[in-house]
PDB file of all heavy atoms in Angstrom:
ATOM      1  N   ASP A   1       0.817  -1.215   0.000  1.00  0.00           N
ATOM      2  CA  ASP A   1       0.000   0.000   0.000  1.00  0.00           C
ATOM      3  C   ASP A   1       0.853   1.268   0.000  1.00  0.00           C
ATOM      4  O   ASP A   1       0.717   2.125   0.877  1.00  0.00           O
ATOM      5  CB  ASP A   1      -0.956  -0.003   1.198  1.00  0.00           C
ATOM      6  CG  ASP A   1      -2.063   1.051   1.059  1.00  0.00           C
ATOM      7  OD1 ASP A   1      -2.190   1.653  -0.037  1.00  0.00           O
ATOM      8  OD2 ASP A   1      -2.782   1.283   2.043  1.00  0.00           O
ATOM      9  N   SER A   2       1.698   1.407  -1.015  1.00  0.00           N
ATOM     10  CA  SER A   2       2.487   2.633  -1.136  1.00  0.00           C
ATOM     11  C   SER A   2       1.592   3.854  -1.316  1.00  0.00           C
ATOM     12  O   SER A   2       1.879   4.929  -0.784  1.00  0.00           O
ATOM     13  CB  SER A   2       3.457   2.522  -2.308  1.00  0.00           C
ATOM     14  OG  SER A   2       4.445   1.543  -2.050  1.00  0.00           O
ATOM     15  N   ALA A   3       0.511   3.709  -2.071  1.00  0.00           N
ATOM     16  CA  ALA A   3      -0.408   4.837  -2.264  1.00  0.00           C
ATOM     17  C   ALA A   3      -0.980   5.294  -0.922  1.00  0.00           C
ATOM     18  O   ALA A   3      -1.113   6.498  -0.668  1.00  0.00           O
ATOM     19  CB  ALA A   3      -1.534   4.444  -3.220  1.00  0.00           C
ATOM     20  N   GLY A   4      -1.304   4.346  -0.049  1.00  0.00           N
ATOM     21  CA  GLY A   4      -1.819   4.702   1.269  1.00  0.00           C
ATOM     22  C   GLY A   4      -0.782   5.407   2.131  1.00  0.00           C
ATOM     23  O   GLY A   4      -1.112   6.332   2.880  1.00  0.00           O
ATOM     24  N   VAL A   5       0.474   4.979   2.028  1.00  0.00           N
ATOM     25  CA  VAL A   5       1.548   5.650   2.766  1.00  0.00           C
ATOM     26  C   VAL A   5       1.672   7.097   2.319  1.00  0.00           C
ATOM     27  O   VAL A   5       1.745   8.025   3.135  1.00  0.00           O
ATOM     28  CB  VAL A   5       2.890   4.910   2.569  1.00  0.00           C
ATOM     29  CG1 VAL A   5       4.044   5.741   3.122  1.00  0.00           C
ATOM     30  CG2 VAL A   5       2.851   3.546   3.248  1.00  0.00           C
ATOM     31  N   LEU A   6       1.695   7.326   0.994  1.00  0.00           N
ATOM     32  CA  LEU A   6       1.857   8.690   0.493  1.00  0.00           C
ATOM     33  C   LEU A   6       0.622   9.536   0.767  1.00  0.00           C
ATOM     34  O   LEU A   6       0.744  10.742   1.011  1.00  0.00           O
ATOM     35  CB  LEU A   6       2.181   8.663  -1.000  1.00  0.00           C
ATOM     36  CG  LEU A   6       3.516   8.003  -1.366  1.00  0.00           C
ATOM     37  CD1 LEU A   6       3.782   8.127  -2.856  1.00  0.00           C
ATOM     38  CD2 LEU A   6       4.673   8.576  -0.570  1.00  0.00           C
ATOM     39  N   ASP A   7      -0.558   8.931   0.750  1.00  0.00           N
ATOM     40  CA  ASP A   7      -1.772   9.652   1.160  1.00  0.00           C
ATOM     41  C   ASP A   7      -1.629  10.164   2.598  1.00  0.00           C
ATOM     42  O   ASP A   7      -1.924  11.316   2.898  1.00  0.00           O
ATOM     43  CB  ASP A   7      -2.983   8.709   1.095  1.00  0.00           C
ATOM     44  CG  ASP A   7      -3.869   8.990  -0.098  1.00  0.00           C
ATOM     45  OD1 ASP A   7      -3.734  10.055  -0.727  1.00  0.00           O
ATOM     46  OD2 ASP A   7      -4.701   8.126  -0.406  1.00  0.00           O
ATOM     47  N   TRP A   8      -1.182   9.279   3.466  1.00  0.00           N
ATOM     48  CA  TRP A   8      -1.079   9.601   4.889  1.00  0.00           C
ATOM     49  C   TRP A   8      -0.029  10.678   5.140  1.00  0.00           C
ATOM     50  O   TRP A   8      -0.256  11.624   5.893  1.00  0.00           O
ATOM     51  CB  TRP A   8      -0.744   8.330   5.654  1.00  0.00           C
ATOM     52  CG  TRP A   8      -0.607   8.467   7.135  1.00  0.00           C
ATOM     53  CD1 TRP A   8       0.550   8.484   7.858  1.00  0.00           C
ATOM     54  CD2 TRP A   8      -1.670   8.585   8.093  1.00  0.00           C
ATOM     55  NE1 TRP A   8       0.287   8.605   9.200  1.00  0.00           N
ATOM     56  CE2 TRP A   8      -1.060   8.667   9.376  1.00  0.00           C
ATOM     57  CE3 TRP A   8      -3.057   8.619   7.996  1.00  0.00           C
ATOM     58  CZ2 TRP A   8      -1.812   8.782  10.548  1.00  0.00           C
ATOM     59  CZ3 TRP A   8      -3.800   8.736   9.164  1.00  0.00           C
ATOM     60  CH2 TRP A   8      -3.180   8.821  10.418  1.00  0.00           C
ATOM     61  N   LEU A   9       1.120  10.555   4.485  1.00  0.00           N
ATOM     62  CA  LEU A   9       2.220  11.456   4.771  1.00  0.00           C
ATOM     63  C   LEU A   9       2.135  12.786   4.031  1.00  0.00           C
ATOM     64  O   LEU A   9       2.716  13.780   4.483  1.00  0.00           O
ATOM     65  CB  LEU A   9       3.555  10.771   4.449  1.00  0.00           C
ATOM     66  CG  LEU A   9       3.926   9.611   5.376  1.00  0.00           C
ATOM     67  CD1 LEU A   9       5.204   8.945   4.899  1.00  0.00           C
ATOM     68  CD2 LEU A   9       4.077  10.083   6.818  1.00  0.00           C
ATOM     69  N   SER A  10       1.450  12.815   2.891  1.00  0.00           N
ATOM     70  CA  SER A  10       1.340  14.076   2.158  1.00  0.00           C
ATOM     71  C   SER A  10       0.231  14.968   2.697  1.00  0.00           C
ATOM     72  O   SER A  10       0.098  16.122   2.291  1.00  0.00           O
ATOM     73  CB  SER A  10       1.127  13.816   0.666  1.00  0.00           C
ATOM     74  OG  SER A  10      -0.066  13.084   0.446  1.00  0.00           O
ATOM     75  N   ALA A  11      -0.569  14.444   3.634  1.00  0.00           N
ATOM     76  CA  ALA A  11      -1.599  15.253   4.295  1.00  0.00           C
ATOM     77  C   ALA A  11      -0.940  16.096   5.386  1.00  0.00           C
ATOM     78  O   ALA A  11       0.197  15.859   5.773  1.00  0.00           O
ATOM     79  CB  ALA A  11      -2.666  14.339   4.894  1.00  0.00           C
ATOM     80  N   PRO A  12      -1.652  17.104   5.906  1.00  0.00           N
ATOM     81  CA  PRO A  12      -1.091  17.903   7.004  1.00  0.00           C
ATOM     82  C   PRO A  12      -0.709  17.026   8.183  1.00  0.00           C
ATOM     83  O   PRO A  12      -1.373  16.017   8.466  1.00  0.00           O
ATOM     84  CB  PRO A  12      -2.240  18.853   7.372  1.00  0.00           C
ATOM     85  CG  PRO A  12      -3.059  18.945   6.133  1.00  0.00           C
ATOM     86  CD  PRO A  12      -2.970  17.601   5.476  1.00  0.00           C
ATOM     87  N   PRO A  13       0.365  17.332   8.907  1.00  0.00           N
ATOM     88  CA  PRO A  13       0.803  16.510  10.040  1.00  0.00           C
ATOM     89  C   PRO A  13      -0.294  16.323  11.071  1.00  0.00           C
ATOM     90  O   PRO A  13      -1.006  17.258  11.419  1.00  0.00           O
ATOM     91  CB  PRO A  13       1.980  17.302  10.619  1.00  0.00           C
ATOM     92  CG  PRO A  13       2.461  18.159   9.492  1.00  0.00           C
ATOM     93  CD  PRO A  13       1.241  18.485   8.672  1.00  0.00           C
ATOM     94  N   ALA A  14      -0.440  15.079  11.535  1.00  0.00           N
ATOM     95  CA  ALA A  14      -1.496  14.770  12.494  1.00  0.00           C
ATOM     96  C   ALA A  14      -0.989  14.754  13.930  1.00  0.00           C
ATOM     97  O   ALA A  14      -1.791  14.618  14.846  1.00  0.00           O
ATOM     98  CB  ALA A  14      -2.108  13.413  12.149  1.00  0.00           C
ATOM     99  N   LEU A  15       0.313  14.880  14.126  1.00  0.00           N
ATOM    100  CA  LEU A  15       0.885  14.789  15.464  1.00  0.00           C
ATOM    101  C   LEU A  15       1.392  16.152  15.927  1.00  0.00           C
ATOM    102  O   LEU A  15       1.836  16.961  15.105  1.00  0.00           O
ATOM    103  CB  LEU A  15       2.044  13.791  15.466  1.00  0.00           C
ATOM    104  CG  LEU A  15       1.655  12.323  15.283  1.00  0.00           C
ATOM    105  CD1 LEU A  15       2.896  11.480  15.025  1.00  0.00           C
ATOM    106  CD2 LEU A  15       0.918  11.808  16.504  1.00  0.00           C
ATOM    107  N   PRO A  16       1.386  16.401  17.237  1.00  0.00           N
ATOM    108  CA  PRO A  16       1.889  17.681  17.762  1.00  0.00           C
ATOM    109  C   PRO A  16       3.421  17.685  17.828  1.00  0.00           C
ATOM    110  O   PRO A  16       4.020  17.802  18.896  1.00  0.00           O
ATOM    111  CB  PRO A  16       1.260  17.748  19.149  1.00  0.00           C
ATOM    112  CG  PRO A  16       1.149  16.311  19.566  1.00  0.00           C
ATOM    113  CD  PRO A  16       0.834  15.550  18.309  1.00  0.00           C
ATOM    114  N   ALA A  17       4.045  17.520  16.681  1.00  0.00           N
ATOM    115  CA  ALA A  17       5.502  17.464  16.610  1.00  0.00           C
ATOM    116  C   ALA A  17       5.946  18.013  15.265  1.00  0.00           C
ATOM    117  O   ALA A  17       5.217  17.919  14.265  1.00  0.00           O
ATOM    118  CB  ALA A  17       5.998  16.022  16.768  1.00  0.00           C
ATOM    119  N   ARG A  18       7.116  18.580  15.219  1.00  0.00           N
ATOM    120  CA  ARG A  18       7.712  18.961  13.943  1.00  0.00           C
ATOM    121  C   ARG A  18       7.927  17.709  13.103  1.00  0.00           C
ATOM    122  O   ARG A  18       8.286  16.660  13.628  1.00  0.00           O
ATOM    123  CB  ARG A  18       9.051  19.655  14.208  1.00  0.00           C
ATOM    124  CG  ARG A  18       9.807  20.027  12.944  1.00  0.00           C
ATOM    125  CD  ARG A  18      11.070  20.794  13.239  1.00  0.00           C
ATOM    126  NE  ARG A  18      12.049  20.023  13.982  1.00  0.00           N
ATOM    127  CZ  ARG A  18      13.347  20.258  13.968  1.00  0.00           C
ATOM    128  NH1 ARG A  18      13.839  21.281  13.276  1.00  0.00           N
ATOM    129  NH2 ARG A  18      14.169  19.525  14.685  1.00  0.00           N
ATOM    130  N   ARG A  19       7.700  17.812  11.805  1.00  0.00           N
ATOM    131  CA  ARG A  19       7.891  16.685  10.893  1.00  0.00           C
ATOM    132  C   ARG A  19       9.082  16.938   9.982  1.00  0.00           C
ATOM    133  O   ARG A  19       9.198  18.004   9.372  1.00  0.00           O
ATOM    134  CB  ARG A  19       6.660  16.507  10.006  1.00  0.00           C
ATOM    135  CG  ARG A  19       5.635  15.505  10.482  1.00  0.00           C
ATOM    136  CD  ARG A  19       5.779  14.127   9.896  1.00  0.00           C
ATOM    137  NE  ARG A  19       5.796  14.093   8.459  1.00  0.00           N
ATOM    138  CZ  ARG A  19       4.697  14.040   7.693  1.00  0.00           C
ATOM    139  NH1 ARG A  19       3.502  14.066   8.225  1.00  0.00           N
ATOM    140  NH2 ARG A  19       4.817  13.977   6.379  1.00  0.00           N
ATOM    141  N   ILE A  20       9.958  15.947   9.858  1.00  0.00           N
ATOM    142  CA  ILE A  20      11.059  15.984   8.902  1.00  0.00           C
ATOM    143  C   ILE A  20      11.013  14.690   8.106  1.00  0.00           C
ATOM    144  O   ILE A  20      11.038  13.596   8.697  1.00  0.00           O
ATOM    145  CB  ILE A  20      12.422  16.144   9.602  1.00  0.00           C
ATOM    146  CG1 ILE A  20      12.490  17.493  10.315  1.00  0.00           C
ATOM    147  CG2 ILE A  20      13.573  15.993   8.600  1.00  0.00           C
ATOM    148  CD1 ILE A  20      13.723  17.671  11.170  1.00  0.00           C
ATOM    149  N   ASP A  21      10.932  14.798   6.788  1.00  0.00           N
ATOM    150  CA  ASP A  21      10.816  13.634   5.917  1.00  0.00           C
ATOM    151  C   ASP A  21      12.012  13.597   4.973  1.00  0.00           C
ATOM    152  O   ASP A  21      12.205  14.515   4.170  1.00  0.00           O
ATOM    153  CB  ASP A  21       9.515  13.692   5.110  1.00  0.00           C
ATOM    154  CG  ASP A  21       8.289  13.758   6.013  1.00  0.00           C
ATOM    155  OD1 ASP A  21       8.254  13.032   7.009  1.00  0.00           O
ATOM    156  OD2 ASP A  21       7.369  14.538   5.705  1.00  0.00           O
ATOM    157  N   LEU A  22      12.809  12.553   5.086  1.00  0.00           N
ATOM    158  CA  LEU A  22      13.968  12.374   4.223  1.00  0.00           C
ATOM    159  C   LEU A  22      13.635  11.409   3.092  1.00  0.00           C
ATOM    160  O   LEU A  22      12.757  10.553   3.226  1.00  0.00           O
ATOM    161  CB  LEU A  22      15.150  11.837   5.030  1.00  0.00           C
ATOM    162  CG  LEU A  22      15.569  12.661   6.246  1.00  0.00           C
ATOM    163  CD1 LEU A  22      16.770  12.009   6.938  1.00  0.00           C
ATOM    164  CD2 LEU A  22      15.889  14.101   5.851  1.00  0.00           C
ATOM    165  N   GLY A  23      14.343  11.548   1.984  1.00  0.00           N
ATOM    166  CA  GLY A  23      14.106  10.693   0.832  1.00  0.00           C
ATOM    167  C   GLY A  23      15.063   9.517   0.795  1.00  0.00           C
ATOM    168  O   GLY A  23      16.202   9.599   1.253  1.00  0.00           O
ATOM    169  N   GLY A  24      14.584   8.410   0.222  1.00  0.00           N
ATOM    170  CA  GLY A  24      15.404   7.226   0.046  1.00  0.00           C
ATOM    171  C   GLY A  24      15.624   6.910  -1.417  1.00  0.00           C
ATOM    172  O   GLY A  24      15.125   7.600  -2.313  1.00  0.00           O
ATOM    173  N   ASN A  25      16.347   5.846  -1.672  1.00  0.00           N
ATOM    174  CA  ASN A  25      16.628   5.461  -3.052  1.00  0.00           C
ATOM    175  C   ASN A  25      15.378   5.038  -3.806  1.00  0.00           C
ATOM    176  O   ASN A  25      15.293   5.216  -5.029  1.00  0.00           O
ATOM    177  CB  ASN A  25      17.676   4.342  -3.092  1.00  0.00           C
ATOM    178  CG  ASN A  25      17.263   3.104  -2.327  1.00  0.00           C
ATOM    179  OD1 ASN A  25      16.995   3.168  -1.118  1.00  0.00           O
ATOM    180  ND2 ASN A  25      17.211   1.968  -2.996  1.00  0.00           N
ATOM    181  N   HIS A  26      14.375   4.495  -3.120  1.00  0.00           N
ATOM    182  CA  HIS A  26      13.175   4.054  -3.836  1.00  0.00           C
ATOM    183  C   HIS A  26      12.353   5.235  -4.339  1.00  0.00           C
ATOM    184  O   HIS A  26      11.764   5.152  -5.429  1.00  0.00           O
ATOM    185  CB  HIS A  26      12.354   3.115  -2.957  1.00  0.00           C
ATOM    186  CG  HIS A  26      12.919   1.729  -2.922  1.00  0.00           C
ATOM    187  ND1 HIS A  26      12.460   0.712  -3.717  1.00  0.00           N
ATOM    188  CD2 HIS A  26      13.951   1.211  -2.207  1.00  0.00           C
ATOM    189  CE1 HIS A  26      13.164  -0.383  -3.490  1.00  0.00           C
ATOM    190  NE2 HIS A  26      14.079  -0.105  -2.570  1.00  0.00           N
ATOM    191  N   GLU A  27      12.301   6.320  -3.593  1.00  0.00           N
ATOM    192  CA  GLU A  27      11.616   7.504  -4.121  1.00  0.00           C
ATOM    193  C   GLU A  27      12.373   8.068  -5.327  1.00  0.00           C
ATOM    194  O   GLU A  27      11.761   8.448  -6.334  1.00  0.00           O
ATOM    195  CB  GLU A  27      11.488   8.589  -3.047  1.00  0.00           C
ATOM    196  CG  GLU A  27      10.490   8.253  -1.957  1.00  0.00           C
ATOM    197  CD  GLU A  27      11.003   7.222  -0.981  1.00  0.00           C
ATOM    198  OE1 GLU A  27      12.091   7.430  -0.395  1.00  0.00           O
ATOM    199  OE2 GLU A  27      10.319   6.185  -0.822  1.00  0.00           O
ATOM    200  N   ALA A  28      13.707   8.112  -5.235  1.00  0.00           N
ATOM    201  CA  ALA A  28      14.501   8.607  -6.358  1.00  0.00           C
ATOM    202  C   ALA A  28      14.304   7.739  -7.594  1.00  0.00           C
ATOM    203  O   ALA A  28      14.175   8.244  -8.716  1.00  0.00           O
ATOM    204  CB  ALA A  28      15.978   8.657  -5.966  1.00  0.00           C
ATOM    205  N   THR A  29      14.260   6.429  -7.399  1.00  0.00           N
ATOM    206  CA  THR A  29      14.090   5.515  -8.530  1.00  0.00           C
ATOM    207  C   THR A  29      12.698   5.655  -9.130  1.00  0.00           C
ATOM    208  O   THR A  29      12.533   5.645 -10.357  1.00  0.00           O
ATOM    209  CB  THR A  29      14.340   4.067  -8.066  1.00  0.00           C
ATOM    210  OG1 THR A  29      15.652   3.971  -7.512  1.00  0.00           O
ATOM    211  CG2 THR A  29      14.224   3.093  -9.225  1.00  0.00           C
ATOM    212  N   MET A  30      11.686   5.799  -8.290  1.00  0.00           N
ATOM    213  CA  MET A  30      10.315   5.973  -8.776  1.00  0.00           C
ATOM    214  C   MET A  30      10.175   7.263  -9.575  1.00  0.00           C
ATOM    215  O   MET A  30       9.605   7.269 -10.677  1.00  0.00           O
ATOM    216  CB  MET A  30       9.346   5.967  -7.599  1.00  0.00           C
ATOM    217  CG  MET A  30       7.892   6.202  -7.973  1.00  0.00           C
ATOM    218  SD  MET A  30       6.826   6.107  -6.501  1.00  0.00           S
ATOM    219  CE  MET A  30       5.250   6.648  -7.185  1.00  0.00           C
ATOM    220  N   LEU A  31      10.700   8.359  -9.051  1.00  0.00           N
ATOM    221  CA  LEU A  31      10.591   9.636  -9.756  1.00  0.00           C
ATOM    222  C   LEU A  31      11.323   9.595 -11.085  1.00  0.00           C
ATOM    223  O   LEU A  31      10.841  10.145 -12.091  1.00  0.00           O
ATOM    224  CB  LEU A  31      11.119  10.765  -8.881  1.00  0.00           C
ATOM    225  CG  LEU A  31      10.258  11.124  -7.669  1.00  0.00           C
ATOM    226  CD1 LEU A  31      10.998  12.108  -6.760  1.00  0.00           C
ATOM    227  CD2 LEU A  31       8.916  11.704  -8.093  1.00  0.00           C
ATOM    228  N   ALA A  32      12.474   8.944 -11.133  1.00  0.00           N
ATOM    229  CA  ALA A  32      13.191   8.811 -12.397  1.00  0.00           C
ATOM    230  C   ALA A  32      12.379   7.990 -13.392  1.00  0.00           C
ATOM    231  O   ALA A  32      12.289   8.333 -14.580  1.00  0.00           O
ATOM    232  CB  ALA A  32      14.562   8.178 -12.170  1.00  0.00           C
ATOM    233  N   ALA A  33      11.761   6.902 -12.926  1.00  0.00           N
ATOM    234  CA  ALA A  33      10.977   6.044 -13.818  1.00  0.00           C
ATOM    235  C   ALA A  33       9.786   6.788 -14.412  1.00  0.00           C
ATOM    236  O   ALA A  33       9.393   6.546 -15.561  1.00  0.00           O
ATOM    237  CB  ALA A  33      10.500   4.808 -13.066  1.00  0.00           C
ATOM    238  N   LEU A  34       9.205   7.692 -13.642  1.00  0.00           N
ATOM    239  CA  LEU A  34       8.033   8.421 -14.135  1.00  0.00           C
ATOM    240  C   LEU A  34       8.378   9.365 -15.280  1.00  0.00           C
ATOM    241  O   LEU A  34       7.475   9.837 -15.976  1.00  0.00           O
ATOM    242  CB  LEU A  34       7.388   9.198 -12.985  1.00  0.00           C
ATOM    243  CG  LEU A  34       6.686   8.326 -11.942  1.00  0.00           C
ATOM    244  CD1 LEU A  34       6.271   9.142 -10.733  1.00  0.00           C
ATOM    245  CD2 LEU A  34       5.480   7.626 -12.551  1.00  0.00           C
ATOM    246  N   GLU A  35       9.666   9.625 -15.502  1.00  0.00           N
ATOM    247  CA  GLU A  35      10.068  10.399 -16.677  1.00  0.00           C
ATOM    248  C   GLU A  35      10.034   9.555 -17.945  1.00  0.00           C
ATOM    249  O   GLU A  35      10.066  10.099 -19.054  1.00  0.00           O
ATOM    250  CB  GLU A  35      11.468  10.984 -16.471  1.00  0.00           C
ATOM    251  CG  GLU A  35      11.574  11.954 -15.299  1.00  0.00           C
ATOM    252  CD  GLU A  35      10.638  13.144 -15.460  1.00  0.00           C
ATOM    253  OE1 GLU A  35      10.581  13.700 -16.572  1.00  0.00           O
ATOM    254  OE2 GLU A  35       9.967  13.502 -14.467  1.00  0.00           O
ATOM    255  N   GLY A  36      10.001   8.233 -17.800  1.00  0.00           N
ATOM    256  CA  GLY A  36       9.734   7.354 -18.937  1.00  0.00           C
ATOM    257  C   GLY A  36      10.935   6.776 -19.649  1.00  0.00           C
ATOM    258  O   GLY A  36      10.756   6.017 -20.607  1.00  0.00           O
ATOM    259  N   ALA A  37      12.171   7.077 -19.236  1.00  0.00           N
ATOM    260  CA  ALA A  37      13.333   6.488 -19.900  1.00  0.00           C
ATOM    261  C   ALA A  37      13.324   4.978 -19.663  1.00  0.00           C
ATOM    262  O   ALA A  37      13.131   4.523 -18.529  1.00  0.00           O
ATOM    263  CB  ALA A  37      14.621   7.099 -19.364  1.00  0.00           C
ATOM    264  N   PRO A  38      13.514   4.162 -20.730  1.00  0.00           N
ATOM    265  CA  PRO A  38      13.376   2.703 -20.583  1.00  0.00           C
ATOM    266  C   PRO A  38      14.241   2.110 -19.469  1.00  0.00           C
ATOM    267  O   PRO A  38      13.785   1.235 -18.725  1.00  0.00           O
ATOM    268  CB  PRO A  38      13.788   2.178 -21.962  1.00  0.00           C
ATOM    269  CG  PRO A  38      13.464   3.300 -22.898  1.00  0.00           C
ATOM    270  CD  PRO A  38      13.754   4.559 -22.127  1.00  0.00           C
ATOM    271  N   GLY A  39      15.493   2.568 -19.346  1.00  0.00           N
ATOM    272  CA  GLY A  39      16.353   2.021 -18.299  1.00  0.00           C
ATOM    273  C   GLY A  39      15.834   2.322 -16.915  1.00  0.00           C
ATOM    274  O   GLY A  39      15.861   1.454 -16.023  1.00  0.00           O
TER     275      GLY A  39
END
């Protein structure tokens, strides 16, 4: 349920705490793939 994770995290923060979200290699790979290059 990656779509559910991104739904949850892209909404306004639900906790009384500062939020910091770091990126990983899977987000980088997904964003690159969405540009459509075959590799």
